[in-house]
Amino acid sequence: MKKGDSNVLAAASYVLLVLSGILMLVFKEDDDFVKFHSIQSIVVSVVFLVVWIVLRIIEFLISFIPFTQVIIWFLSFVFGVVFLVVWLYLMYEALEGKKYTLPFIKDFMKKYAK
């Protein structure tokens, strides 16, 4: 497999979040570069899903307090923009052939994805 093919497959591991990460991990487990980005895609997707669920729970819990919904909507918007930017950046780095690791999962990635 050519290096460019690995880059495209690594970037594709981010496209459908956890699903594409798992698919690439299963089908391209022999390619360390694709494996690295597949694992990172799965971890980042799960972390962002957990944060999104926590935001929904907080929204429900404080929905009875006047004007708090605006704060939660704003936080959800900011969270969505941050997620989109991080997601696109990780795909770009994979296409460029780089192994960029997000700081908040660096230890995990060192342990499981070399």
PDB file of N, CA and C in Angstrom:
ATOM      1  N   MET A   1       0.841  -1.178   0.000  1.00  0.00           N
ATOM      2  CA  MET A   1       0.000   0.000   0.000  1.00  0.00           C
ATOM      3  C   MET A   1       0.885   1.240   0.000  1.00  0.00           C
ATOM      4  N   LYS A   2       0.517   2.206  -0.820  1.00  0.00           N
ATOM      5  CA  LYS A   2       1.276   3.450  -0.887  1.00  0.00           C
ATOM      6  C   LYS A   2       0.995   4.306   0.341  1.00  0.00           C
ATOM      7  N   LYS A   3       1.958   5.187   0.639  1.00  0.00           N
ATOM      8  CA  LYS A   3       1.833   6.081   1.799  1.00  0.00           C
ATOM      9  C   LYS A   3       0.591   6.966   1.683  1.00  0.00           C
ATOM     10  N   GLY A   4       0.285   7.444   0.489  1.00  0.00           N
ATOM     11  CA  GLY A   4      -0.891   8.289   0.285  1.00  0.00           C
ATOM     12  C   GLY A   4      -2.182   7.559   0.597  1.00  0.00           C
ATOM     13  N   ASP A   5      -2.213   6.251   0.298  1.00  0.00           N
ATOM     14  CA  ASP A   5      -3.396   5.451   0.617  1.00  0.00           C
ATOM     15  C   ASP A   5      -3.601   5.358   2.125  1.00  0.00           C
ATOM     16  N   SER A   6      -2.514   5.192   2.854  1.00  0.00           N
ATOM     17  CA  SER A   6      -2.603   5.148   4.315  1.00  0.00           C
ATOM     18  C   SER A   6      -3.141   6.464   4.865  1.00  0.00           C
ATOM     19  N   ASN A   7      -2.698   7.565   4.306  1.00  0.00           N
ATOM     20  CA  ASN A   7      -3.160   8.873   4.762  1.00  0.00           C
ATOM     21  C   ASN A   7      -4.662   9.024   4.546  1.00  0.00           C
ATOM     22  N   VAL A   8      -5.136   8.613   3.390  1.00  0.00           N
ATOM     23  CA  VAL A   8      -6.566   8.725   3.079  1.00  0.00           C
ATOM     24  C   VAL A   8      -7.377   7.816   4.006  1.00  0.00           C
ATOM     25  N   LEU A   9      -6.923   6.604   4.218  1.00  0.00           N
ATOM     26  CA  LEU A   9      -7.629   5.686   5.113  1.00  0.00           C
ATOM     27  C   LEU A   9      -7.613   6.192   6.556  1.00  0.00           C
ATOM     28  N   ALA A  10      -6.497   6.778   6.971  1.00  0.00           N
ATOM     29  CA  ALA A  10      -6.416   7.339   8.327  1.00  0.00           C
ATOM     30  C   ALA A  10      -7.402   8.498   8.481  1.00  0.00           C
ATOM     31  N   ALA A  11      -7.483   9.355   7.475  1.00  0.00           N
ATOM     32  CA  ALA A  11      -8.447  10.464   7.527  1.00  0.00           C
ATOM     33  C   ALA A  11      -9.880   9.939   7.488  1.00  0.00           C
ATOM     34  N   ALA A  12     -10.104   8.886   6.725  1.00  0.00           N
ATOM     35  CA  ALA A  12     -11.446   8.302   6.630  1.00  0.00           C
ATOM     36  C   ALA A  12     -11.903   7.714   7.959  1.00  0.00           C
ATOM     37  N   SER A  13     -10.960   7.364   8.822  1.00  0.00           N
ATOM     38  CA  SER A  13     -11.343   6.807  10.116  1.00  0.00           C
ATOM     39  C   SER A  13     -12.088   7.817  10.983  1.00  0.00           C
ATOM     40  N   TYR A  14     -12.004   9.090  10.639  1.00  0.00           N
ATOM     41  CA  TYR A  14     -12.713  10.135  11.397  1.00  0.00           C
ATOM     42  C   TYR A  14     -14.095  10.453  10.831  1.00  0.00           C
ATOM     43  N   VAL A  15     -14.355  10.075   9.601  1.00  0.00           N
ATOM     44  CA  VAL A  15     -15.556  10.521   8.891  1.00  0.00           C
ATOM     45  C   VAL A  15     -16.846  10.160   9.616  1.00  0.00           C
ATOM     46  N   LEU A  16     -17.013   8.919  10.000  1.00  0.00           N
ATOM     47  CA  LEU A  16     -18.234   8.480  10.678  1.00  0.00           C
ATOM     48  C   LEU A  16     -18.013   8.252  12.166  1.00  0.00           C
ATOM     49  N   LEU A  17     -17.051   8.994  12.706  1.00  0.00           N
ATOM     50  CA  LEU A  17     -16.746   8.972  14.127  1.00  0.00           C
ATOM     51  C   LEU A  17     -16.396   7.563  14.595  1.00  0.00           C
ATOM     52  N   VAL A  18     -17.095   7.036  15.576  1.00  0.00           N
ATOM     53  CA  VAL A  18     -16.760   5.733  16.155  1.00  0.00           C
ATOM     54  C   VAL A  18     -16.878   4.623  15.112  1.00  0.00           C
ATOM     55  N   LEU A  19     -17.910   4.668  14.295  1.00  0.00           N
ATOM     56  CA  LEU A  19     -18.143   3.605  13.314  1.00  0.00           C
ATOM     57  C   LEU A  19     -16.979   3.457  12.332  1.00  0.00           C
ATOM     58  N   SER A  20     -16.565   4.548  11.730  1.00  0.00           N
ATOM     59  CA  SER A  20     -15.458   4.448  10.772  1.00  0.00           C
ATOM     60  C   SER A  20     -14.140   4.137  11.480  1.00  0.00           C
ATOM     61  N   GLY A  21     -13.986   4.609  12.701  1.00  0.00           N
ATOM     62  CA  GLY A  21     -12.790   4.275  13.469  1.00  0.00           C
ATOM     63  C   GLY A  21     -12.692   2.776  13.713  1.00  0.00           C
ATOM     64  N   ILE A  22     -13.801   2.167  14.089  1.00  0.00           N
ATOM     65  CA  ILE A  22     -13.814   0.718  14.326  1.00  0.00           C
ATOM     66  C   ILE A  22     -13.589  -0.039  13.022  1.00  0.00           C
ATOM     67  N   LEU A  23     -14.248   0.396  11.953  1.00  0.00           N
ATOM     68  CA  LEU A  23     -14.080  -0.284  10.658  1.00  0.00           C
ATOM     69  C   LEU A  23     -12.626  -0.251  10.191  1.00  0.00           C
ATOM     70  N   MET A  24     -11.995   0.910  10.271  1.00  0.00           N
ATOM     71  CA  MET A  24     -10.600   1.015   9.841  1.00  0.00           C
ATOM     72  C   MET A  24      -9.674   0.220  10.757  1.00  0.00           C
ATOM     73  N   LEU A  25      -9.991   0.202  12.041  1.00  0.00           N
ATOM     74  CA  LEU A  25      -9.170  -0.555  12.990  1.00  0.00           C
ATOM     75  C   LEU A  25      -9.244  -2.051  12.692  1.00  0.00           C
ATOM     76  N   VAL A  26     -10.415  -2.533  12.356  1.00  0.00           N
ATOM     77  CA  VAL A  26     -10.596  -3.957  12.074  1.00  0.00           C
ATOM     78  C   VAL A  26      -9.968  -4.345  10.734  1.00  0.00           C
ATOM     79  N   PHE A  27     -10.212  -3.548   9.700  1.00  0.00           N
ATOM     80  CA  PHE A  27      -9.780  -3.937   8.358  1.00  0.00           C
ATOM     81  C   PHE A  27      -8.343  -3.554   8.018  1.00  0.00           C
ATOM     82  N   LYS A  28      -7.765  -2.585   8.722  1.00  0.00           N
ATOM     83  CA  LYS A  28      -6.393  -2.149   8.423  1.00  0.00           C
ATOM     84  C   LYS A  28      -5.514  -2.225   9.665  1.00  0.00           C
ATOM     85  N   GLU A  29      -5.685  -3.259  10.448  1.00  0.00           N
ATOM     86  CA  GLU A  29      -4.924  -3.392  11.698  1.00  0.00           C
ATOM     87  C   GLU A  29      -3.432  -3.571  11.467  1.00  0.00           C
ATOM     88  N   ASP A  30      -3.023  -3.929  10.264  1.00  0.00           N
ATOM     89  CA  ASP A  30      -1.607  -4.121   9.972  1.00  0.00           C
ATOM     90  C   ASP A  30      -0.875  -2.812   9.676  1.00  0.00           C
ATOM     91  N   ASP A  31      -1.604  -1.749   9.438  1.00  0.00           N
ATOM     92  CA  ASP A  31      -1.024  -0.438   9.137  1.00  0.00           C
ATOM     93  C   ASP A  31      -1.015   0.409  10.412  1.00  0.00           C
ATOM     94  N   ASP A  32       0.174   0.655  10.974  1.00  0.00           N
ATOM     95  CA  ASP A  32       0.282   1.378  12.244  1.00  0.00           C
ATOM     96  C   ASP A  32      -0.267   2.804  12.175  1.00  0.00           C
ATOM     97  N   PHE A  33      -0.083   3.457  11.033  1.00  0.00           N
ATOM     98  CA  PHE A  33      -0.565   4.837  10.894  1.00  0.00           C
ATOM     99  C   PHE A  33      -2.093   4.878  10.924  1.00  0.00           C
ATOM    100  N   VAL A  34      -2.733   3.991  10.186  1.00  0.00           N
ATOM    101  CA  VAL A  34      -4.200   3.919  10.174  1.00  0.00           C
ATOM    102  C   VAL A  34      -4.707   3.483  11.541  1.00  0.00           C
ATOM    103  N   LYS A  35      -4.010   2.552  12.173  1.00  0.00           N
ATOM    104  CA  LYS A  35      -4.390   2.088  13.508  1.00  0.00           C
ATOM    105  C   LYS A  35      -4.356   3.239  14.516  1.00  0.00           C
ATOM    106  N   PHE A  36      -3.299   4.043  14.471  1.00  0.00           N
ATOM    107  CA  PHE A  36      -3.170   5.186  15.371  1.00  0.00           C
ATOM    108  C   PHE A  36      -4.377   6.124  15.229  1.00  0.00           C
ATOM    109  N   HIS A  37      -4.686   6.500  13.994  1.00  0.00           N
ATOM    110  CA  HIS A  37      -5.791   7.445  13.778  1.00  0.00           C
ATOM    111  C   HIS A  37      -7.153   6.808  14.049  1.00  0.00           C
ATOM    112  N   SER A  38      -7.281   5.517  13.816  1.00  0.00           N
ATOM    113  CA  SER A  38      -8.541   4.834  14.124  1.00  0.00           C
ATOM    114  C   SER A  38      -8.803   4.849  15.624  1.00  0.00           C
ATOM    115  N   ILE A  39      -7.777   4.528  16.405  1.00  0.00           N
ATOM    116  CA  ILE A  39      -7.933   4.539  17.860  1.00  0.00           C
ATOM    117  C   ILE A  39      -8.230   5.950  18.351  1.00  0.00           C
ATOM    118  N   GLN A  40      -7.525   6.932  17.818  1.00  0.00           N
ATOM    119  CA  GLN A  40      -7.776   8.309  18.234  1.00  0.00           C
ATOM    120  C   GLN A  40      -9.193   8.746  17.848  1.00  0.00           C
ATOM    121  N   SER A  41      -9.665   8.336  16.694  1.00  0.00           N
ATOM    122  CA  SER A  41     -11.020   8.658  16.266  1.00  0.00           C
ATOM    123  C   SER A  41     -12.050   8.092  17.233  1.00  0.00           C
ATOM    124  N   ILE A  42     -11.859   6.852  17.637  1.00  0.00           N
ATOM    125  CA  ILE A  42     -12.787   6.219  18.572  1.00  0.00           C
ATOM    126  C   ILE A  42     -12.769   6.932  19.920  1.00  0.00           C
ATOM    127  N   VAL A  43     -11.585   7.202  20.440  1.00  0.00           N
ATOM    128  CA  VAL A  43     -11.458   7.839  21.757  1.00  0.00           C
ATOM    129  C   VAL A  43     -12.048   9.250  21.740  1.00  0.00           C
ATOM    130  N   VAL A  44     -11.702  10.029  20.728  1.00  0.00           N
ATOM    131  CA  VAL A  44     -12.209  11.406  20.642  1.00  0.00           C
ATOM    132  C   VAL A  44     -13.727  11.405  20.499  1.00  0.00           C
ATOM    133  N   SER A  45     -14.253  10.507  19.684  1.00  0.00           N
ATOM    134  CA  SER A  45     -15.706  10.431  19.501  1.00  0.00           C
ATOM    135  C   SER A  45     -16.417  10.084  20.803  1.00  0.00           C
ATOM    136  N   VAL A  46     -15.869   9.131  21.543  1.00  0.00           N
ATOM    137  CA  VAL A  46     -16.489   8.734  22.810  1.00  0.00           C
ATOM    138  C   VAL A  46     -16.415   9.874  23.821  1.00  0.00           C
ATOM    139  N   VAL A  47     -15.273  10.546  23.898  1.00  0.00           N
ATOM    140  CA  VAL A  47     -15.136  11.672  24.835  1.00  0.00           C
ATOM    141  C   VAL A  47     -16.134  12.773  24.504  1.00  0.00           C
ATOM    142  N   PHE A  48     -16.247  13.124  23.240  1.00  0.00           N
ATOM    143  CA  PHE A  48     -17.189  14.170  22.867  1.00  0.00           C
ATOM    144  C   PHE A  48     -18.634  13.731  23.072  1.00  0.00           C
ATOM    145  N   LEU A  49     -18.936  12.463  22.874  1.00  0.00           N
ATOM    146  CA  LEU A  49     -20.283  11.964  23.128  1.00  0.00           C
ATOM    147  C   LEU A  49     -20.622  12.059  24.613  1.00  0.00           C
ATOM    148  N   VAL A  50     -19.676  11.705  25.462  1.00  0.00           N
ATOM    149  CA  VAL A  50     -19.894  11.792  26.910  1.00  0.00           C
ATOM    150  C   VAL A  50     -20.121  13.248  27.332  1.00  0.00           C
ATOM    151  N   VAL A  51     -19.328  14.163  26.807  1.00  0.00           N
ATOM    152  CA  VAL A  51     -19.508  15.587  27.130  1.00  0.00           C
ATOM    153  C   VAL A  51     -20.877  16.065  26.654  1.00  0.00           C
ATOM    154  N   TRP A  52     -21.286  15.639  25.474  1.00  0.00           N
ATOM    155  CA  TRP A  52     -22.596  16.039  24.940  1.00  0.00           C
ATOM    156  C   TRP A  52     -23.716  15.519  25.848  1.00  0.00           C
ATOM    157  N   ILE A  53     -23.600  14.271  26.306  1.00  0.00           N
ATOM    158  CA  ILE A  53     -24.610  13.701  27.205  1.00  0.00           C
ATOM    159  C   ILE A  53     -24.649  14.467  28.520  1.00  0.00           C
ATOM    160  N   VAL A  54     -23.488  14.803  29.050  1.00  0.00           N
ATOM    161  CA  VAL A  54     -23.433  15.575  30.301  1.00  0.00           C
ATOM    162  C   VAL A  54     -24.105  16.938  30.111  1.00  0.00           C
ATOM    163  N   LEU A  55     -23.851  17.582  28.980  1.00  0.00           N
ATOM    164  CA  LEU A  55     -24.513  18.862  28.710  1.00  0.00           C
ATOM    165  C   LEU A  55     -26.027  18.703  28.648  1.00  0.00           C
ATOM    166  N   ARG A  56     -26.505  17.619  28.055  1.00  0.00           N
ATOM    167  CA  ARG A  56     -27.955  17.384  27.983  1.00  0.00           C
ATOM    168  C   ARG A  56     -28.536  17.151  29.383  1.00  0.00           C
ATOM    169  N   ILE A  57     -27.816  16.423  30.225  1.00  0.00           N
ATOM    170  CA  ILE A  57     -28.290  16.165  31.588  1.00  0.00           C
ATOM    171  C   ILE A  57     -28.333  17.466  32.377  1.00  0.00           C
ATOM    172  N   ILE A  58     -27.292  18.268  32.266  1.00  0.00           N
ATOM    173  CA  ILE A  58     -27.269  19.564  32.955  1.00  0.00           C
ATOM    174  C   ILE A  58     -28.401  20.443  32.444  1.00  0.00           C
ATOM    175  N   GLU A  59     -28.613  20.432  31.149  1.00  0.00           N
ATOM    176  CA  GLU A  59     -29.703  21.218  30.572  1.00  0.00           C
ATOM    177  C   GLU A  59     -31.046  20.809  31.172  1.00  0.00           C
ATOM    178  N   PHE A  60     -31.264  19.515  31.300  1.00  0.00           N
ATOM    179  CA  PHE A  60     -32.512  19.042  31.892  1.00  0.00           C
ATOM    180  C   PHE A  60     -32.626  19.465  33.355  1.00  0.00           C
ATOM    181  N   LEU A  61     -31.547  19.314  34.107  1.00  0.00           N
ATOM    182  CA  LEU A  61     -31.588  19.604  35.536  1.00  0.00           C
ATOM    183  C   LEU A  61     -31.817  21.081  35.840  1.00  0.00           C
ATOM    184  N   ILE A  62     -31.285  21.956  35.014  1.00  0.00           N
ATOM    185  CA  ILE A  62     -31.451  23.386  35.312  1.00  0.00           C
ATOM    186  C   ILE A  62     -32.491  24.058  34.413  1.00  0.00           C
ATOM    187  N   SER A  63     -33.234  23.255  33.667  1.00  0.00           N
ATOM    188  CA  SER A  63     -34.215  23.831  32.748  1.00  0.00           C
ATOM    189  C   SER A  63     -35.357  24.542  33.459  1.00  0.00           C
ATOM    190  N   PHE A  64     -35.514  24.273  34.738  1.00  0.00           N
ATOM    191  CA  PHE A  64     -36.596  24.906  35.494  1.00  0.00           C
ATOM    192  C   PHE A  64     -36.213  26.280  36.033  1.00  0.00           C
ATOM    193  N   ILE A  65     -34.947  26.617  35.941  1.00  0.00           N
ATOM    194  CA  ILE A  65     -34.473  27.920  36.394  1.00  0.00           C
ATOM    195  C   ILE A  65     -34.539  28.874  35.208  1.00  0.00           C
ATOM    196  N   PRO A  66     -35.193  30.023  35.376  1.00  0.00           N
ATOM    197  CA  PRO A  66     -35.331  30.959  34.249  1.00  0.00           C
ATOM    198  C   PRO A  66     -33.976  31.418  33.688  1.00  0.00           C
ATOM    199  N   PHE A  67     -33.907  31.554  32.399  1.00  0.00           N
ATOM    200  CA  PHE A  67     -32.765  32.087  31.648  1.00  0.00           C
ATOM    201  C   PHE A  67     -31.539  31.169  31.594  1.00  0.00           C
ATOM    202  N   THR A  68     -31.592  30.040  32.239  1.00  0.00           N
ATOM    203  CA  THR A  68     -30.433  29.149  32.195  1.00  0.00           C
ATOM    204  C   THR A  68     -30.339  28.405  30.873  1.00  0.00           C
ATOM    205  N   GLN A  69     -31.453  28.273  30.192  1.00  0.00           N
ATOM    206  CA  GLN A  69     -31.445  27.574  28.902  1.00  0.00           C
ATOM    207  C   GLN A  69     -30.547  28.302  27.903  1.00  0.00           C
ATOM    208  N   VAL A  70     -30.518  29.612  27.968  1.00  0.00           N
ATOM    209  CA  VAL A  70     -29.678  30.380  27.059  1.00  0.00           C
ATOM    210  C   VAL A  70     -28.203  30.037  27.284  1.00  0.00           C
ATOM    211  N   ILE A  71     -27.817  29.893  28.525  1.00  0.00           N
ATOM    212  CA  ILE A  71     -26.432  29.552  28.844  1.00  0.00           C
ATOM    213  C   ILE A  71     -26.092  28.167  28.283  1.00  0.00           C
ATOM    214  N   ILE A  72     -26.986  27.211  28.485  1.00  0.00           N
ATOM    215  CA  ILE A  72     -26.746  25.863  27.987  1.00  0.00           C
ATOM    216  C   ILE A  72     -26.726  25.846  26.465  1.00  0.00           C
ATOM    217  N   TRP A  73     -27.620  26.590  25.820  1.00  0.00           N
ATOM    218  CA  TRP A  73     -27.603  26.655  24.354  1.00  0.00           C
ATOM    219  C   TRP A  73     -26.280  27.230  23.857  1.00  0.00           C
ATOM    220  N   PHE A  74     -25.795  28.262  24.542  1.00  0.00           N
ATOM    221  CA  PHE A  74     -24.512  28.862  24.165  1.00  0.00           C
ATOM    222  C   PHE A  74     -23.372  27.857  24.344  1.00  0.00           C
ATOM    223  N   LEU A  75     -23.343  27.169  25.487  1.00  0.00           N
ATOM    224  CA  LEU A  75     -22.311  26.165  25.731  1.00  0.00           C
ATOM    225  C   LEU A  75     -22.383  25.034  24.696  1.00  0.00           C
ATOM    226  N   SER A  76     -23.586  24.636  24.337  1.00  0.00           N
ATOM    227  CA  SER A  76     -23.757  23.590  23.327  1.00  0.00           C
ATOM    228  C   SER A  76     -23.247  24.060  21.970  1.00  0.00           C
ATOM    229  N   PHE A  77     -23.505  25.310  21.638  1.00  0.00           N
ATOM    230  CA  PHE A  77     -23.024  25.872  20.376  1.00  0.00           C
ATOM    231  C   PHE A  77     -21.497  25.906  20.354  1.00  0.00           C
ATOM    232  N   VAL A  78     -20.899  26.408  21.432  1.00  0.00           N
ATOM    233  CA  VAL A  78     -19.434  26.469  21.533  1.00  0.00           C
ATOM    234  C   VAL A  78     -18.851  25.063  21.470  1.00  0.00           C
ATOM    235  N   PHE A  79     -19.450  24.136  22.185  1.00  0.00           N
ATOM    236  CA  PHE A  79     -18.995  22.743  22.159  1.00  0.00           C
ATOM    237  C   PHE A  79     -19.067  22.178  20.741  1.00  0.00           C
ATOM    238  N   GLY A  80     -20.153  22.444  20.033  1.00  0.00           N
ATOM    239  CA  GLY A  80     -20.302  21.967  18.663  1.00  0.00           C
ATOM    240  C   GLY A  80     -19.244  22.539  17.727  1.00  0.00           C
ATOM    241  N   VAL A  81     -18.953  23.814  17.865  1.00  0.00           N
ATOM    242  CA  VAL A  81     -17.933  24.446  17.025  1.00  0.00           C
ATOM    243  C   VAL A  81     -16.556  23.872  17.344  1.00  0.00           C
ATOM    244  N   VAL A  82     -16.256  23.725  18.629  1.00  0.00           N
ATOM    245  CA  VAL A  82     -14.961  23.149  19.025  1.00  0.00           C
ATOM    246  C   VAL A  82     -14.830  21.732  18.485  1.00  0.00           C
ATOM    247  N   PHE A  83     -15.884  20.940  18.614  1.00  0.00           N
ATOM    248  CA  PHE A  83     -15.847  19.575  18.099  1.00  0.00           C
ATOM    249  C   PHE A  83     -15.604  19.564  16.593  1.00  0.00           C
ATOM    250  N   LEU A  84     -16.304  20.397  15.859  1.00  0.00           N
ATOM    251  CA  LEU A  84     -16.142  20.461  14.408  1.00  0.00           C
ATOM    252  C   LEU A  84     -14.712  20.840  14.023  1.00  0.00           C
ATOM    253  N   VAL A  85     -14.158  21.829  14.684  1.00  0.00           N
ATOM    254  CA  VAL A  85     -12.796  22.279  14.377  1.00  0.00           C
ATOM    255  C   VAL A  85     -11.786  21.168  14.692  1.00  0.00           C
ATOM    256  N   VAL A  86     -11.923  20.532  15.849  1.00  0.00           N
ATOM    257  CA  VAL A  86     -11.006  19.454  16.227  1.00  0.00           C
ATOM    258  C   VAL A  86     -11.132  18.294  15.243  1.00  0.00           C
ATOM    259  N   TRP A  87     -12.338  17.926  14.906  1.00  0.00           N
ATOM    260  CA  TRP A  87     -12.605  16.825  13.984  1.00  0.00           C
ATOM    261  C   TRP A  87     -11.964  17.081  12.617  1.00  0.00           C
ATOM    262  N   LEU A  88     -12.178  18.284  12.076  1.00  0.00           N
ATOM    263  CA  LEU A  88     -11.589  18.636  10.783  1.00  0.00           C
ATOM    264  C   LEU A  88     -10.068  18.704  10.855  1.00  0.00           C
ATOM    265  N   TYR A  89      -9.542  19.218  11.952  1.00  0.00           N
ATOM    266  CA  TYR A  89      -8.091  19.313  12.117  1.00  0.00           C
ATOM    267  C   TYR A  89      -7.455  17.924  12.159  1.00  0.00           C
ATOM    268  N   LEU A  90      -8.070  16.998  12.875  1.00  0.00           N
ATOM    269  CA  LEU A  90      -7.527  15.648  12.954  1.00  0.00           C
ATOM    270  C   LEU A  90      -7.555  14.959  11.590  1.00  0.00           C
ATOM    271  N   MET A  91      -8.603  15.179  10.835  1.00  0.00           N
ATOM    272  CA  MET A  91      -8.654  14.613   9.476  1.00  0.00           C
ATOM    273  C   MET A  91      -7.561  15.225   8.606  1.00  0.00           C
ATOM    274  N   TYR A  92      -7.368  16.532   8.720  1.00  0.00           N
ATOM    275  CA  TYR A  92      -6.326  17.211   7.947  1.00  0.00           C
ATOM    276  C   TYR A  92      -4.941  16.667   8.295  1.00  0.00           C
ATOM    277  N   GLU A  93      -4.668  16.522   9.583  1.00  0.00           N
ATOM    278  CA  GLU A  93      -3.371  15.993  10.020  1.00  0.00           C
ATOM    279  C   GLU A  93      -3.148  14.575   9.497  1.00  0.00           C
ATOM    280  N   ALA A  94      -4.189  13.769   9.485  1.00  0.00           N
ATOM    281  CA  ALA A  94      -4.069  12.406   8.956  1.00  0.00           C
ATOM    282  C   ALA A  94      -3.767  12.449   7.458  1.00  0.00           C
ATOM    283  N   LEU A  95      -4.430  13.315   6.724  1.00  0.00           N
ATOM    284  CA  LEU A  95      -4.167  13.445   5.287  1.00  0.00           C
ATOM    285  C   LEU A  95      -2.745  13.912   5.015  1.00  0.00           C
ATOM    286  N   GLU A  96      -2.208  14.725   5.901  1.00  0.00           N
ATOM    287  CA  GLU A  96      -0.839  15.221   5.757  1.00  0.00           C
ATOM    288  C   GLU A  96       0.209  14.192   6.185  1.00  0.00           C
ATOM    289  N   GLY A  97      -0.246  13.081   6.763  1.00  0.00           N
ATOM    290  CA  GLY A  97       0.677  12.035   7.174  1.00  0.00           C
ATOM    291  C   GLY A  97       1.300  12.254   8.538  1.00  0.00           C
ATOM    292  N   LYS A  98       0.646  13.050   9.381  1.00  0.00           N
ATOM    293  CA  LYS A  98       1.179  13.362  10.708  1.00  0.00           C
ATOM    294  C   LYS A  98       0.403  12.614  11.788  1.00  0.00           C
ATOM    295  N   LYS A  99       1.093  12.283  12.858  1.00  0.00           N
ATOM    296  CA  LYS A  99       0.472  11.629  14.012  1.00  0.00           C
ATOM    297  C   LYS A  99       0.291  12.651  15.127  1.00  0.00           C
ATOM    298  N   TYR A 100      -0.645  13.555  14.963  1.00  0.00           N
ATOM    299  CA  TYR A 100      -0.920  14.541  16.001  1.00  0.00           C
ATOM    300  C   TYR A 100      -1.840  13.909  17.040  1.00  0.00           C
ATOM    301  N   THR A 101      -1.477  14.069  18.301  1.00  0.00           N
ATOM    302  CA  THR A 101      -2.292  13.543  19.395  1.00  0.00           C
ATOM    303  C   THR A 101      -2.857  14.705  20.194  1.00  0.00           C
ATOM    304  N   LEU A 102      -4.130  14.645  20.482  1.00  0.00           N
ATOM    305  CA  LEU A 102      -4.747  15.676  21.315  1.00  0.00           C
ATOM    306  C   LEU A 102      -4.195  15.578  22.736  1.00  0.00           C
ATOM    307  N   PRO A 103      -3.931  16.718  23.363  1.00  0.00           N
ATOM    308  CA  PRO A 103      -3.294  16.714  24.692  1.00  0.00           C
ATOM    309  C   PRO A 103      -4.062  15.935  25.755  1.00  0.00           C
ATOM    310  N   PHE A 104      -5.386  15.983  25.726  1.00  0.00           N
ATOM    311  CA  PHE A 104      -6.135  15.339  26.795  1.00  0.00           C
ATOM    312  C   PHE A 104      -6.205  13.817  26.679  1.00  0.00           C
ATOM    313  N   ILE A 105      -5.713  13.249  25.564  1.00  0.00           N
ATOM    314  CA  ILE A 105      -5.670  11.792  25.434  1.00  0.00           C
ATOM    315  C   ILE A 105      -4.258  11.285  25.134  1.00  0.00           C
ATOM    316  N   LYS A 106      -3.276  12.135  25.327  1.00  0.00           N
ATOM    317  CA  LYS A 106      -1.887  11.799  24.976  1.00  0.00           C
ATOM    318  C   LYS A 106      -1.391  10.543  25.700  1.00  0.00           C
ATOM    319  N   ASP A 107      -1.630  10.440  26.998  1.00  0.00           N
ATOM    320  CA  ASP A 107      -1.172   9.271  27.764  1.00  0.00           C
ATOM    321  C   ASP A 107      -1.838   7.996  27.266  1.00  0.00           C
ATOM    322  N   PHE A 108      -3.132   8.068  27.014  1.00  0.00           N
ATOM    323  CA  PHE A 108      -3.860   6.913  26.506  1.00  0.00           C
ATOM    324  C   PHE A 108      -3.303   6.469  25.152  1.00  0.00           C
ATOM    325  N   MET A 109      -3.041   7.415  24.290  1.00  0.00           N
ATOM    326  CA  MET A 109      -2.542   7.093  22.950  1.00  0.00           C
ATOM    327  C   MET A 109      -1.131   6.509  23.021  1.00  0.00           C
ATOM    328  N   LYS A 110      -0.300   6.988  23.933  1.00  0.00           N
ATOM    329  CA  LYS A 110       1.044   6.423  24.081  1.00  0.00           C
ATOM    330  C   LYS A 110       0.970   4.969  24.507  1.00  0.00           C
ATOM    331  N   LYS A 111      -0.017   4.649  25.311  1.00  0.00           N
ATOM    332  CA  LYS A 111      -0.135   3.296  25.826  1.00  0.00           C
ATOM    333  C   LYS A 111      -0.736   2.325  24.788  1.00  0.00           C
ATOM    334  N   TYR A 112      -1.734   2.758  24.041  1.00  0.00           N
ATOM    335  CA  TYR A 112      -2.479   1.840  23.186  1.00  0.00           C
ATOM    336  C   TYR A 112      -2.228   1.989  21.684  1.00  0.00           C
ATOM    337  N   ALA A 113      -1.732   3.129  21.254  1.00  0.00           N
ATOM    338  CA  ALA A 113      -1.520   3.339  19.818  1.00  0.00           C
ATOM    339  C   ALA A 113      -0.146   3.928  19.617  1.00  0.00           C
ATOM    340  N   LYS A 114       0.786   3.122  19.233  1.00  0.00           N
ATOM    341  CA  LYS A 114       2.170   3.578  19.091  1.00  0.00           C
ATOM    342  C   LYS A 114       2.426   4.143  17.729  1.00  0.00           C
TER     343      LYS A 114
END
